[in-house]
Amino acid sequence: MSSGFLGINDVPLVFTLSVLISFILVFYILVYTLIQRGRGLCA
């Protein structure tokens, strides 16, 4: 079984990892801004 990530052969591992990391960064920034906004509302 020499299939790539999620069974896709055309997508290289580096591209998949970069997309995954970018999604994690966007999610982290979104959560951080929501937390900051929540603190502003509570204060």
C-alpha atoms as a PDB file:
ATOM      1  CA  MET A   1       0.000   0.000   0.000  1.00  0.00           C
ATOM      2  CA  SER A   2       1.964   2.971  -1.272  1.00  0.00           C
ATOM      3  CA  SER A   3      -0.935   5.393  -1.189  1.00  0.00           C
ATOM      4  CA  GLY A   4      -0.581   8.936   0.098  1.00  0.00           C
ATOM      5  CA  PHE A   5      -2.387  10.693   2.900  1.00  0.00           C
ATOM      6  CA  LEU A   6      -6.101   9.781   2.975  1.00  0.00           C
ATOM      7  CA  GLY A   7      -5.509   7.457   0.029  1.00  0.00           C
ATOM      8  CA  ILE A   8      -4.720  10.305  -2.385  1.00  0.00           C
ATOM      9  CA  ASN A   9      -1.633   9.656  -4.496  1.00  0.00           C
ATOM     10  CA  ASP A  10      -1.463  13.046  -6.218  1.00  0.00           C
ATOM     11  CA  VAL A  11      -1.147  15.145  -3.051  1.00  0.00           C
ATOM     12  CA  PRO A  12       2.390  15.247  -1.595  1.00  0.00           C
ATOM     13  CA  LEU A  13       2.947  14.934   2.149  1.00  0.00           C
ATOM     14  CA  VAL A  14       4.493  18.402   2.479  1.00  0.00           C
ATOM     15  CA  PHE A  15       1.408  20.052   0.939  1.00  0.00           C
ATOM     16  CA  THR A  16      -0.891  18.094   3.246  1.00  0.00           C
ATOM     17  CA  LEU A  17       1.147  19.032   6.317  1.00  0.00           C
ATOM     18  CA  SER A  18       1.259  22.712   5.343  1.00  0.00           C
ATOM     19  CA  VAL A  19      -2.521  22.804   4.842  1.00  0.00           C
ATOM     20  CA  LEU A  20      -3.031  21.043   8.173  1.00  0.00           C
ATOM     21  CA  ILE A  21      -0.742  23.478  10.009  1.00  0.00           C
ATOM     22  CA  SER A  22      -2.428  26.475   8.381  1.00  0.00           C
ATOM     23  CA  PHE A  23      -5.851  25.189   9.474  1.00  0.00           C
ATOM     24  CA  ILE A  24      -4.556  24.755  13.037  1.00  0.00           C
ATOM     25  CA  LEU A  25      -3.123  28.288  13.029  1.00  0.00           C
ATOM     26  CA  VAL A  26      -6.370  29.808  11.736  1.00  0.00           C
ATOM     27  CA  PHE A  27      -8.374  27.888  14.346  1.00  0.00           C
ATOM     28  CA  TYR A  28      -5.991  28.973  17.119  1.00  0.00           C
ATOM     29  CA  ILE A  29      -6.197  32.637  16.079  1.00  0.00           C
ATOM     30  CA  LEU A  30     -10.003  32.430  15.903  1.00  0.00           C
ATOM     31  CA  VAL A  31     -10.236  30.933  19.399  1.00  0.00           C
ATOM     32  CA  TYR A  32      -7.784  33.512  20.740  1.00  0.00           C
ATOM     33  CA  THR A  33      -9.768  36.434  19.318  1.00  0.00           C
ATOM     34  CA  LEU A  34     -13.003  34.970  20.725  1.00  0.00           C
ATOM     35  CA  ILE A  35     -11.395  34.622  24.161  1.00  0.00           C
ATOM     36  CA  GLN A  36     -10.113  38.207  24.021  1.00  0.00           C
ATOM     37  CA  ARG A  37     -13.565  39.440  22.967  1.00  0.00           C
ATOM     38  CA  GLY A  38     -15.157  37.457  25.803  1.00  0.00           C
ATOM     39  CA  ARG A  39     -12.782  39.008  28.305  1.00  0.00           C
ATOM     40  CA  GLY A  40     -13.666  42.455  26.973  1.00  0.00           C
ATOM     41  CA  LEU A  41     -17.378  41.732  27.441  1.00  0.00           C
ATOM     42  CA  CYS A  42     -16.873  40.398  30.973  1.00  0.00           C
ATOM     43  CA  ALA A  43     -14.679  43.309  32.049  1.00  0.00           C
END
